[in-house]
Amino acid sequence: MSEFSADPQFFESIAAELVDSVCQAREELESLHNIMSDPTSSPFGSTRSISELTSEIGVKLERKIARDAGTLALEVGLPSVDQESVFLGQIKALRQRNNGSCGYYTIFNSIQMMLARHLSDKNMAIKQLRNMQSSAYFWTYFHYWKRILHDKAETLMQEVEAERRTHFLETGKHLTRTGWPWTHKDIDTGVLERLFMLHLLSVDPCIRRLSADCQVRFESLPELGRGSLLFNCLSVNTLKTLDTASKEFTAHASHSQAWLIGQTNHWISVVSAKIPPSEQVGTRYETILCDSRNNFVLNKSMDEIEQVASRRLHLLTGTDMWTQMRRKLYLESLVDMPFSASLLHDCCTSRRDVVQHILEMHFDTFFNSYARHTMHYFDEDHGEEVYCPAAGLDKEALSRNLLPGSPGQNWTTLFHHWLSEYYPPPVIETNVCGMLDRLAAHGFQVPSRIVGRLAQWRRKVSAKLQTFEAVNSVFDRLSETWSRIDEVLETLPGSAV
C-alpha cells in the first residue's frame, strides 16, 4: 500500500472535494431552473456557434473533413457555398461509464449544447459547455430526472390500482395490467425507455423554455439507424418529423433542432442550427454530433471503425451467440453515427430532400437484394435486366447447384431461394406495398424512379416465371403479390414506365 493512500486525511480531502462539487452542481442546476421558470426573465439571445465556443475553452471538437476538394460539397452539405459557412463535427463529452445510461447522457448533452448556443450571457454559455465534462453536474441532472420519473410512476400506479379495483368489483376478475414500464423497479434498474424520454422532454424546465422562447425543437427519433431505414418498415412519424424540420430550416433565418437518435442499441445526440448572417459573415449551418462513448468516427473508414469496435470490445472474447451479437450491435451503432449525422446535416442545410433520399435508399434495398441474390441487375438507362453471374453472390449462393450456361434455370433456383429466405411474398406486400400505401395516405410523394422501377420489376419477374414455366407453392403465392402491387401502382403516378 502506498504511503499517501494510508493517510486518512487523504481520503477525507477527496470526500470533501466530491461533496463540494456535488453541492455546487446542485446549486447551479437549481439556479438555472429558477431562471428558466421565471416568466419575467429573458435568458436567451441570438444563435451562437458552438464550434467557436469550443475553440475558446479547449474542448475537443473534431470537424468532418472532406477527402479532397472535389468531394467538399458532398461532405459538408452545400454544393455552392464557402467552406466556412457549413460545419459538421463531433464534440467530446463526459464519458459514459455504465451500460444503459446513454439515454440520460443524450438528453443532458443536448440541453447543454442548446443552452450554450442560445444563452445571451456568453460566460454562462461557456459554463454549460464546461458542465458537459462534469460528472457531478451530470449525476445531479440524472437523479433530478429519476425523481420526475418516479413521481410520474407513482401517479400512474395509483391509477392502475384504482382501475384494478373497479374492474374486480364490476366483473369479479383480476385485471392483469402491470403499468410497465412505469414501475419504480424499471426506473431504477432499467434503461431510459422511449416513454421515459418523451416525458422528460415534455417537462424539463430548460427544454420547455428553449422551445417557447427560441423555437428550439427537441425530437426523439428512435428509428433513425441506417439498418432500420434500409431493412425495416419505415416509420411515417420519423419521415414527418424530418420533413417538418427541413421546411422550418428553409423558412426561417434562424432555427435550431436537437435530435435524440436511437442507433441500434445506443442513443446519441445531434444538434443542428441555422445561424443568421452578421456583419462579418453570411448565413452559417452547424451540426454537432455528441456520443457519450466518445467514439470519434466521422472521419474514419469502415476498416478504421471496425478497429475502434475491436479496441472497445477487446474483453469480449467469447464465441457464444450473445457475445457475437453484442459485438455486431456495437459495430452497427458506430457505423450508424456518421450516417445519421450527415443525414441530419443535410436536413439543416436543405442541400437535398432528405425524405426523398431515405425513401430511395429504403426501396433500393429491396431491388438490390433481388439483384444480388438472383444475379440479375436492372439497367435503368435501357429498361432491361442484365445477367451478371459473378456479381454479389455469397458462398451460400455459389454452393447451390447452378448449371453453367443456363441462366434461366439458375434464375429460377436463385429466385426461389430469395423468396423463401429473404423476401417472402407476405413481406413484399407489407414492406413494399404497405409502405407505399402509408406514404400516400400521409401525403408523401413517392419518387417516380422507385414507382417506375417497381412496375418494371413486377412485369419482368412475372414474365420470367411464365417463360420458364416455374411452378411451386412459393411461386403460386406470388399471384396475390402481383395483384397487391398492381393495386398500389394504380394509385401512384409514374407507374406506366
Foldseek 3Di string as FASTA:
>chain_A
DDPLVVDPVNVVVVVVVLVVLLVVLLVVVVVVLVQLPDPVHDFWDAFADPVVLCVVVVWDKAWQDDPDPVCLCVGFAADDDDSVQTTFIATEFAADDDPQEQLLLAVLVLLLQLCLGIGPPNVVNSVSVVCRNPPSNSVSSVVVLLVVLLVVLVVVVVVVVVVQVVCCVVPVDGDPDDSPPSDNVCSVPHHCDPVSSVVCCVPPSSNVSCCVPVVEEEEEAQQQFPCSLAAHADDVVVLVVLQVLLVVLVPDQKYKYWYFYRQQPHTWIKIKIFGADDPVGHIHIYIYIYGSNPDGPSHPDLVVLLVVLCVVVVVLPDDDPVSVVVSVSVSSSSVRRNVSSSLVSNSNSVNDSSSQVSLCSRLVSVQVLLCLQQQWHADPVVLDIDRHPVPNYDPVLVPDDDDPPCSLVSNLVSNVVCCVPPNQLVNCLCRPLVSLVVCVVVPHAHPLSSLQVLLSVLVVVVVSCVVVVDDDPRVVVCVVSSVSNVVSSVVHPNNPD
